Protein backbone atom coordinates (compact mmCIF):
# COMPACT_ATOMS: atom_id res chain seq x y z
CA MET A 1 -0.09 0.16 0.04
CA THR A 2 1.40 3.71 -1.13
CA SER A 3 1.57 5.57 2.15
CA PHE A 4 0.12 9.51 2.43
CA ASP A 5 0.20 12.20 4.10
CA MET A 6 -3.55 14.41 5.38
CA LEU A 7 -3.24 18.08 4.17
CA THR A 8 -6.15 20.26 4.64
CA ILE A 9 -7.31 22.54 2.10
CA GLU A 10 -5.69 25.58 3.48
CA GLU A 11 -2.24 24.07 3.82
CA ALA A 12 -2.59 22.23 0.17
CA THR A 13 -3.67 25.00 -1.62
CA GLU A 14 -2.55 29.03 -2.25
CA ARG A 15 -5.29 30.50 -3.44
CA LEU A 16 -9.26 30.33 -2.07
CA ILE A 17 -11.08 32.75 -4.63
CA ASP A 18 -15.05 33.01 -3.34
CA TYR A 19 -17.93 35.03 -4.77
CA ARG A 20 -20.53 34.49 -2.48
CA GLY A 21 -22.64 37.26 -1.48
CA LYS A 22 -22.70 38.50 -5.04
CA THR A 23 -24.88 38.43 -7.97
CA PRO A 24 -23.22 39.81 -11.15
CA PRO A 25 -25.64 41.62 -13.74
CA LYS A 26 -26.10 38.94 -16.55
CA THR A 27 -26.47 40.20 -19.94
CA ASP A 28 -27.49 38.03 -23.31
CA SER A 29 -23.20 37.70 -24.09
CA GLY A 30 -19.75 38.33 -22.98
CA VAL A 31 -17.90 36.45 -21.00
CA ARG A 32 -19.47 33.07 -20.09
CA LEU A 33 -20.58 32.49 -16.06
CA VAL A 34 -19.81 29.51 -14.51
CA THR A 35 -22.89 28.80 -11.87
CA ALA A 36 -23.43 26.23 -9.65
CA LYS A 37 -25.90 24.86 -12.30
CA VAL A 38 -23.67 24.03 -14.58
CA VAL A 39 -20.98 21.92 -12.69
CA LYS A 40 -22.07 18.47 -12.72
CA GLY A 41 -20.08 15.07 -12.69
CA GLY A 42 -16.61 17.18 -12.84
CA GLN A 43 -17.53 19.03 -16.02
CA ILE A 44 -19.01 22.66 -17.04
CA HIS A 45 -22.20 22.21 -18.90
CA ASP A 46 -22.87 24.39 -21.75
CA GLU A 47 -26.52 24.69 -20.25
CA PRO A 48 -28.24 27.10 -19.22
CA ALA A 49 -25.52 29.71 -20.70
CA GLU A 50 -25.02 32.88 -18.41
CA PHE A 51 -22.65 36.12 -19.32
CA ILE A 52 -21.64 39.24 -17.95
CA ALA A 53 -20.73 42.25 -20.02
CA ALA A 54 -17.17 42.03 -21.28
CA ASP A 55 -16.01 45.45 -20.30
CA PHE A 56 -17.50 44.59 -16.21
CA TYR A 57 -15.24 41.19 -16.06
CA ASP A 58 -11.98 42.97 -14.10
CA GLU A 59 -14.34 44.72 -12.14
CA TRP A 60 -16.27 41.60 -11.25
CA MET A 61 -13.30 39.37 -10.85
CA ARG A 62 -11.17 41.42 -8.75
CA ARG A 63 -11.24 39.18 -5.93
CA GLY A 64 -9.13 37.02 -8.52
CA LEU A 65 -8.69 35.96 -12.18
CA PRO A 66 -9.37 31.75 -12.87
CA GLN A 67 -6.10 30.67 -14.46
CA LYS A 68 -6.19 26.99 -16.27
CA LEU A 69 -6.16 24.43 -13.80
CA ASP A 70 -7.55 25.98 -11.38
CA VAL A 71 -10.47 23.09 -9.52
CA LEU A 72 -13.89 24.78 -9.14
CA LEU A 73 -16.40 23.48 -5.83
CA THR A 74 -19.88 24.25 -5.59
CA THR A 75 -20.38 25.03 -2.20
CA GLU A 76 -24.31 24.71 -1.92
CA ALA A 77 -27.17 23.61 -4.08
CA PRO A 78 -25.92 21.33 -4.40
CA LEU A 79 -22.98 21.04 -2.16
CA GLY A 80 -19.44 19.34 -3.63
CA GLU A 81 -19.84 19.03 -6.99
CA VAL A 82 -16.13 19.84 -8.72
CA ALA A 83 -14.69 21.32 -11.89
CA ILE A 84 -11.50 21.91 -13.23
CA LEU A 85 -10.48 24.91 -15.52
CA ARG A 86 -8.79 23.13 -19.13
CA ASP A 87 -7.69 25.92 -20.64
CA ASP A 88 -7.21 29.67 -20.52
CA THR A 89 -10.84 30.68 -21.51
CA ARG A 90 -11.79 33.46 -19.46
CA VAL A 91 -14.59 32.81 -17.32
CA ALA A 92 -16.44 34.56 -14.10
CA LEU A 93 -17.86 33.09 -10.92
CA ALA A 94 -21.21 33.09 -9.84
CA GLN A 95 -22.13 32.79 -6.31
CA ARG A 96 -22.00 29.49 -4.52
CA ILE A 97 -18.80 28.65 -6.26
CA ILE A 98 -15.30 28.72 -4.97
CA LEU A 99 -12.03 28.74 -7.03
CA LEU A 100 -8.97 26.38 -5.45
CA ARG A 101 -5.66 26.56 -6.35
CA ALA A 102 -3.57 24.03 -5.88
CA LYS A 103 -0.33 25.13 -4.28
CA GLN A 104 2.60 24.69 -6.38
CA GLY A 105 5.23 21.76 -5.14
CA VAL A 106 2.86 20.20 -2.64
CA LEU A 107 -0.31 19.27 -4.72
CA ASP A 108 -1.01 18.24 -8.27
CA PRO A 109 -4.44 19.68 -9.32
CA VAL A 110 -5.60 17.39 -11.13
CA TYR A 111 -5.16 15.49 -8.34
CA LEU A 112 -6.92 17.53 -6.17
CA PHE A 113 -10.25 17.82 -8.76
CA TYR A 114 -10.73 14.20 -8.78
CA ALA A 115 -9.33 13.81 -5.09
CA LEU A 116 -12.54 15.80 -3.92
CA GLN A 117 -14.94 13.75 -6.38
CA SER A 118 -13.84 10.52 -4.05
CA ASP A 119 -15.63 8.88 -1.56
CA PHE A 120 -13.53 10.58 0.98
CA GLY A 121 -13.31 13.83 -0.55
CA GLN A 122 -17.31 14.25 -0.44
CA GLY A 123 -17.41 12.58 3.15
CA GLU A 124 -14.91 15.52 4.31
CA LEU A 125 -17.00 18.30 2.98
CA LYS A 126 -20.37 16.82 4.25
CA ALA A 127 -19.17 16.20 7.78
CA ARG A 128 -18.68 19.73 7.55
CA ALA A 129 -21.66 21.02 6.22
CA SER A 130 -24.33 22.77 7.51
CA GLY A 131 -27.54 23.60 7.10
CA THR A 132 -31.22 21.92 7.49
CA THR A 133 -32.99 21.39 3.60
CA VAL A 134 -29.98 22.64 1.79
CA LEU A 135 -26.57 21.36 2.81
CA GLY A 136 -23.90 24.25 2.07
CA ILE A 137 -20.16 24.74 3.74
CA LYS A 138 -18.92 27.85 5.39
CA GLN A 139 -15.47 29.07 3.95
CA SER A 140 -13.97 28.41 7.89
CA GLU A 141 -15.01 25.37 7.07
CA LEU A 142 -13.89 24.27 3.71
CA ARG A 143 -10.37 25.45 4.81
CA LYS A 144 -10.37 22.48 6.83
CA VAL A 145 -11.74 19.97 4.75
CA ARG A 146 -8.61 17.28 4.22
CA VAL A 147 -7.19 16.04 1.37
CA PRO A 148 -4.84 12.37 1.34
CA VAL A 149 -1.53 13.80 -0.45
CA PHE A 150 0.82 11.23 -1.80
CA PRO A 151 4.52 11.99 -2.99
CA LEU A 152 3.79 14.36 -6.20
CA ALA A 153 5.17 12.21 -8.48
CA VAL A 154 2.40 9.65 -7.34
CA GLN A 155 -0.21 12.10 -7.14
CA LYS A 156 0.67 12.55 -11.21
CA ARG A 157 0.37 9.40 -11.79
CA ILE A 158 -3.01 8.56 -10.48
CA ALA A 159 -4.42 12.10 -11.82
CA GLY A 160 -2.75 10.62 -15.88
CA ILE A 161 -4.28 7.17 -14.99
CA LEU A 162 -8.20 8.72 -14.25
CA SER A 163 -7.68 11.75 -16.80
CA ALA A 164 -7.09 8.73 -19.63
CA TYR A 165 -10.60 7.58 -19.01
CA ASP A 166 -12.19 11.28 -18.85
CA GLU A 167 -10.32 11.80 -22.49
CA LEU A 168 -12.06 8.88 -23.83
CA ILE A 169 -15.11 9.86 -22.31
CA GLU A 170 -14.52 13.36 -23.42
CA ASN A 171 -13.63 11.97 -27.09
CA SER A 172 -17.25 10.32 -26.85
CA GLN A 173 -18.94 13.05 -25.88
CA ARG A 174 -17.52 15.27 -28.95
CA ARG A 175 -18.72 12.56 -30.96
CA ILE A 176 -22.06 12.99 -30.13
CA LYS A 177 -22.38 16.09 -30.26
CA ILE A 178 -21.34 15.84 -34.01
CA LEU A 179 -23.88 12.99 -35.08
CA GLU A 180 -26.74 15.60 -32.93
CA SER A 181 -25.90 18.62 -34.92
CA MET A 182 -25.77 16.66 -38.01
CA ALA A 183 -29.18 15.21 -37.65
CA ARG A 184 -30.52 18.16 -36.14
CA SER A 185 -29.06 20.20 -39.31
CA LEU A 186 -30.59 17.65 -41.94
CA TYR A 187 -34.02 17.62 -39.67
CA ARG A 188 -33.88 21.07 -40.26
CA ASP A 189 -32.95 21.25 -44.12
CA TRP A 190 -35.70 18.87 -45.16
CA PHE A 191 -38.51 19.37 -42.46
CA VAL A 192 -38.66 22.71 -41.63
CA HIS A 193 -37.16 24.46 -44.88
CA PHE A 194 -38.15 22.17 -47.15
CA ARG A 195 -34.92 21.73 -49.08
CA PHE A 196 -35.87 18.32 -48.85
CA PRO A 197 -34.02 16.16 -52.06
CA GLY A 198 -36.58 16.94 -55.40
CA TYR A 199 -38.45 20.03 -53.02
CA GLU A 200 -37.81 22.22 -56.21
CA SER A 201 -40.82 20.40 -58.22
CA VAL A 202 -43.58 20.36 -55.24
CA PRO A 203 -45.49 23.31 -54.82
CA ARG A 204 -46.97 24.37 -51.13
CA VAL A 205 -50.22 24.34 -49.84
CA PRO A 206 -52.07 25.85 -47.12
CA SER A 207 -51.88 24.29 -43.43
CA PRO A 208 -52.93 24.81 -40.23
CA LEU A 209 -49.20 24.97 -39.57
CA GLY A 210 -49.03 27.58 -42.33
CA GLU A 211 -48.08 26.65 -45.93
CA ILE A 212 -46.21 23.05 -46.63
CA PRO A 213 -45.34 21.19 -49.17
CA GLU A 214 -48.01 19.19 -51.16
CA GLY A 215 -49.02 15.87 -50.35
CA TRP A 216 -47.64 16.27 -46.75
CA GLU A 217 -50.11 15.83 -43.75
CA VAL A 218 -51.01 17.82 -40.39
CA ARG A 219 -50.81 15.15 -37.52
CA ASN A 220 -51.45 15.22 -33.98
CA VAL A 221 -48.67 13.50 -32.48
CA LYS A 222 -50.86 10.91 -30.41
CA ASP A 223 -51.83 9.15 -34.00
CA ILE A 224 -48.22 8.77 -34.94
CA ALA A 225 -46.69 7.76 -31.33
CA THR A 226 -47.32 6.13 -27.93
CA VAL A 227 -47.56 8.44 -25.08
CA THR A 228 -47.30 6.70 -21.39
CA TYR A 229 -47.14 8.56 -18.15
CA GLY A 230 -44.95 6.88 -15.54
CA PHE A 231 -45.96 4.47 -12.45
CA PRO A 232 -46.68 6.03 -9.00
CA PHE A 233 -43.13 3.86 -7.51
CA ALA A 234 -42.89 4.12 -3.76
CA SER A 235 -40.03 6.29 -2.43
CA LYS A 236 -39.09 4.73 0.33
CA LYS A 237 -38.57 1.35 -1.31
CA PHE A 238 -36.00 3.51 -3.57
CA ASN A 239 -31.79 2.15 -3.14
CA THR A 240 -28.71 3.31 -4.46
CA ASP A 241 -27.21 -0.41 -3.93
CA THR A 242 -28.33 -1.69 -7.45
CA ILE A 243 -30.92 -4.01 -6.36
CA GLY A 244 -33.97 -4.39 -8.57
CA THR A 245 -34.71 -2.63 -11.48
CA PRO A 246 -33.70 1.55 -12.69
CA VAL A 247 -36.23 4.01 -12.17
CA ILE A 248 -36.08 6.87 -14.16
CA ARG A 249 -37.20 10.27 -12.65
CA ILE A 250 -37.11 13.74 -13.74
CA ARG A 251 -33.59 14.31 -12.53
CA ASP A 252 -32.27 11.70 -14.41
CA ILE A 253 -33.35 12.63 -17.97
CA PRO A 254 -30.21 14.80 -18.59
CA GLU A 255 -27.78 12.38 -18.17
CA GLY A 256 -29.79 9.54 -20.31
CA CYS A 257 -29.22 7.18 -17.13
CA SER A 258 -30.29 6.45 -13.46
CA ALA A 259 -28.66 5.16 -9.93
CA THR A 260 -31.93 5.02 -8.30
CA PHE A 261 -33.49 1.03 -8.06
CA THR A 262 -36.53 -0.39 -6.83
CA GLU A 263 -37.57 -3.79 -5.93
CA GLU A 264 -41.33 -3.20 -7.30
CA ASP A 265 -42.42 -4.45 -10.47
CA ALA A 266 -44.51 -2.91 -13.04
CA GLU A 267 -46.79 -3.19 -15.79
CA GLN A 268 -44.98 -3.67 -18.84
CA LYS A 269 -46.40 -0.54 -20.33
CA TYR A 270 -43.54 1.45 -17.80
CA HIS A 271 -41.07 -0.99 -19.04
CA VAL A 272 -38.18 1.76 -21.11
CA LYS A 273 -35.73 0.37 -23.81
CA ASN A 274 -32.99 1.94 -25.93
CA GLY A 275 -34.52 4.40 -27.86
CA HIS A 276 -37.58 5.40 -26.21
CA ILE A 277 -38.20 8.91 -25.68
CA LEU A 278 -38.37 10.89 -22.35
CA VAL A 279 -39.73 14.06 -21.64
CA GLY A 280 -39.56 15.91 -17.26
CA MET A 281 -43.18 16.61 -16.77
CA ASP A 282 -41.99 19.32 -14.32
CA GLY A 283 -39.52 22.15 -13.92
CA ASP A 284 -37.79 21.73 -16.82
CA PHE A 285 -39.23 19.86 -19.75
CA HIS A 286 -35.83 17.95 -20.55
CA MET A 287 -35.65 15.45 -23.04
CA CYS A 288 -33.43 12.40 -24.01
CA LEU A 289 -33.48 9.65 -26.24
CA TRP A 290 -33.03 6.61 -23.39
CA SER A 291 -29.48 4.78 -23.67
CA SER A 292 -29.00 2.66 -20.26
CA GLY A 293 -31.13 -0.32 -20.90
CA HIS A 294 -34.04 -1.78 -19.52
CA ALA A 295 -35.80 0.35 -16.92
CA PHE A 296 -38.89 1.53 -15.24
CA GLN A 297 -40.29 5.13 -15.72
CA ASN A 298 -41.48 6.60 -12.63
CA GLN A 299 -44.66 9.26 -12.50
CA ARG A 300 -44.03 12.82 -13.94
CA VAL A 301 -42.04 11.14 -17.13
CA ALA A 302 -43.81 10.91 -20.54
CA ARG A 303 -42.25 8.44 -22.88
CA PHE A 304 -43.21 8.56 -26.22
CA GLU A 305 -42.62 5.82 -28.56
CA SER A 306 -42.96 6.27 -32.36
CA ASN A 307 -45.52 3.67 -34.13
CA GLY A 308 -42.84 2.55 -36.53
CA GLU A 309 -44.10 5.06 -39.65
CA VAL A 310 -40.77 7.23 -38.73
CA GLY A 311 -37.91 6.37 -36.30
CA ASN A 312 -37.52 7.58 -32.66
CA LEU A 313 -35.11 10.02 -33.60
CA HIS A 314 -36.93 11.60 -35.91
CA LEU A 315 -39.82 11.57 -33.68
CA PHE A 316 -37.40 13.23 -31.35
CA LEU A 317 -36.24 16.27 -33.22
CA ALA A 318 -40.20 16.95 -34.36
CA LEU A 319 -41.16 17.31 -30.59
CA GLU A 320 -38.08 19.27 -29.69
CA LYS A 321 -40.01 22.50 -30.91
CA PRO A 322 -43.20 22.32 -29.14
CA ILE A 323 -41.74 20.87 -26.12
CA GLN A 324 -39.18 24.08 -25.84
CA GLU A 325 -41.94 26.45 -26.92
CA PHE A 326 -44.41 24.63 -23.77
CA ASN A 327 -40.88 24.57 -21.60
CA LYS A 328 -41.10 28.68 -22.67
CA ALA A 329 -45.24 29.28 -21.96
CA ILE A 330 -46.11 27.10 -19.09
CA ILE A 331 -45.78 29.41 -15.97
CA GLY A 332 -46.19 27.72 -12.55
CA THR A 333 -46.95 29.67 -9.15
CA THR A 334 -43.40 27.53 -8.13
CA VAL A 335 -42.56 25.28 -10.23
CA ALA A 336 -43.87 24.46 -14.80
CA HIS A 337 -45.93 21.63 -15.32
CA LEU A 338 -46.53 19.79 -18.44
CA GLY A 339 -50.02 17.82 -18.96
CA ASP A 340 -51.78 16.07 -21.14
CA MET A 341 -53.61 19.03 -22.19
CA HIS A 342 -50.65 20.34 -23.05
CA ILE A 343 -48.78 17.07 -25.28
CA LYS A 344 -52.55 16.33 -26.88
CA THR A 345 -52.19 19.53 -28.88
CA ILE A 346 -49.06 18.89 -30.53
CA GLN A 347 -49.24 19.04 -34.03
CA ILE A 348 -46.69 17.31 -36.22
CA LEU A 349 -45.77 17.81 -39.78
CA TRP A 350 -46.12 14.23 -41.96
CA PRO A 351 -44.45 13.83 -44.72
CA PRO A 352 -45.05 11.23 -47.70
CA LEU A 353 -43.39 7.51 -47.05
CA THR A 354 -40.71 8.14 -49.35
CA LEU A 355 -39.28 10.85 -47.81
CA ARG A 356 -39.83 9.49 -44.45
CA GLU A 357 -38.00 6.58 -45.36
CA LYS A 358 -35.47 8.74 -46.90
CA ALA A 359 -35.08 10.06 -43.07
CA ARG A 360 -35.26 6.77 -41.55
CA GLU A 361 -32.08 5.39 -43.69
CA VAL A 362 -29.99 8.17 -42.99
CA LEU A 363 -31.30 9.17 -38.98
CA GLU A 364 -31.68 6.01 -37.71
CA PRO A 365 -27.63 4.41 -37.77
CA MET A 366 -27.10 8.29 -36.06
CA SER A 367 -29.82 7.22 -32.96
CA GLU A 368 -27.62 3.99 -32.73
CA GLN A 369 -24.66 5.26 -33.05
CA VAL A 370 -25.16 7.71 -30.57
CA ILE A 371 -26.85 5.02 -27.79
CA ALA A 372 -23.74 2.85 -28.72
CA LEU A 373 -21.58 5.82 -27.94
CA LYS A 374 -23.79 6.94 -24.19
CA GLN A 375 -23.65 3.24 -23.02
CA GLU A 376 -19.62 3.28 -23.80
CA ILE A 377 -19.98 6.76 -22.20
CA GLN A 378 -21.34 4.85 -18.98
CA THR A 379 -18.81 1.61 -19.41
CA LEU A 380 -15.96 4.19 -18.82
CA ARG A 381 -17.38 6.44 -15.97
CA ARG A 382 -17.86 2.71 -13.58
CA THR A 383 -14.40 1.96 -14.29
CA ARG A 384 -13.12 5.61 -13.53
CA ASP A 385 -15.53 5.01 -10.86
CA LEU A 386 -14.42 1.78 -9.34
CA LEU A 387 -10.76 3.10 -9.50
CA LEU A 388 -11.23 6.46 -7.74
CA PRO A 389 -10.98 5.33 -4.22
CA ARG A 390 -8.61 2.20 -4.85
CA LEU A 391 -6.17 5.31 -6.56
CA LEU A 392 -7.40 7.70 -3.15
CA SER A 393 -7.06 5.05 -0.56
CA GLY A 394 -3.41 4.02 -1.67
CA ARG A 395 -4.95 0.57 -2.44
CA ILE A 396 -3.57 0.49 -6.08
CA ASP A 397 0.76 1.21 -5.65
CA VAL A 398 1.14 3.07 -8.79
CA GLU A 399 4.55 3.19 -7.98
CA ALA A 400 4.97 -0.55 -8.89
CA MET A 401 2.55 -0.26 -12.01
CA PRO A 402 4.61 0.49 -15.36
CA VAL A 403 4.76 3.13 -17.34
């Protein structure tokens, strides 16, 4: 077993920058504002994208400017999400984000990034947190959080091993974005701008959705897809010990996977499989093409399954605009709710069979590739997450491993 010391954040970092208690004025463009909402799963996500004015940046960031390899930590709502700045792109820090800069010669910044994500690091944060409904950590307590510190060369080896998995994950995520962009581009050209193969010879005719190509129809979504609403599984029976069947809740839709399980059973109509379209019905109406295998559909999750006349990716792309419009238009007292009364009003443009088949030939292989890449990402994450506690505890002797 590789030996290590314990150092506090205070001892192991040379800068701690805290912008709590301040809310910057936001603009439509400028310098990206990193908020607690976008730091998740070791990454800074693209959405929701918020900005501050570029000419306000120096004034706002007067406590200190972020640098490449600085580590970001969310301090509440949620506590303990971690990210690392991979390059020198300017970013501004919002409330509930603390920046940690590893002390040179003592702590490798990438190692710190992983150490804070480990079970030990998360346990240290939660042990020093306070709050009844929302856990948060004070700066004074954060400085006392301990980190296992190996010799610097060992830290770099550990960081390199774990980074190799994240690089593979990021590569797959880039490929997914390219495929999704290609699919949306084709859908937009053919089914929004009507520049499909042979469009020049097809006249336009009036419809409830405006002028459309002759021979096209406008159909209700329930005529072309089966819509199912989830089952009210008993939350007190949920577990995170992988016992039973995964349950898809609203929070699982953005990631497309679930870590919540139940031993309850459910009718076949509540069974989800890869390729099914899921939409959250509360808050932000997130959508996904499910890619994590057999699971159960929890309440307040809507499932759309094509009747077979179009592929599920085609249907997904057709649903994006109406669901986004509902997201903007539905205002609840505390949270927005999407219901059957809204879904049954969705109208879909329905092209002739020959064009639907051409779209399927292009879109379905893309859908299969995206699902395969997402499954690959999940496998890589599981392997990395199994290695993380073993490496951070010294149970794996990285000094004895071949370079």
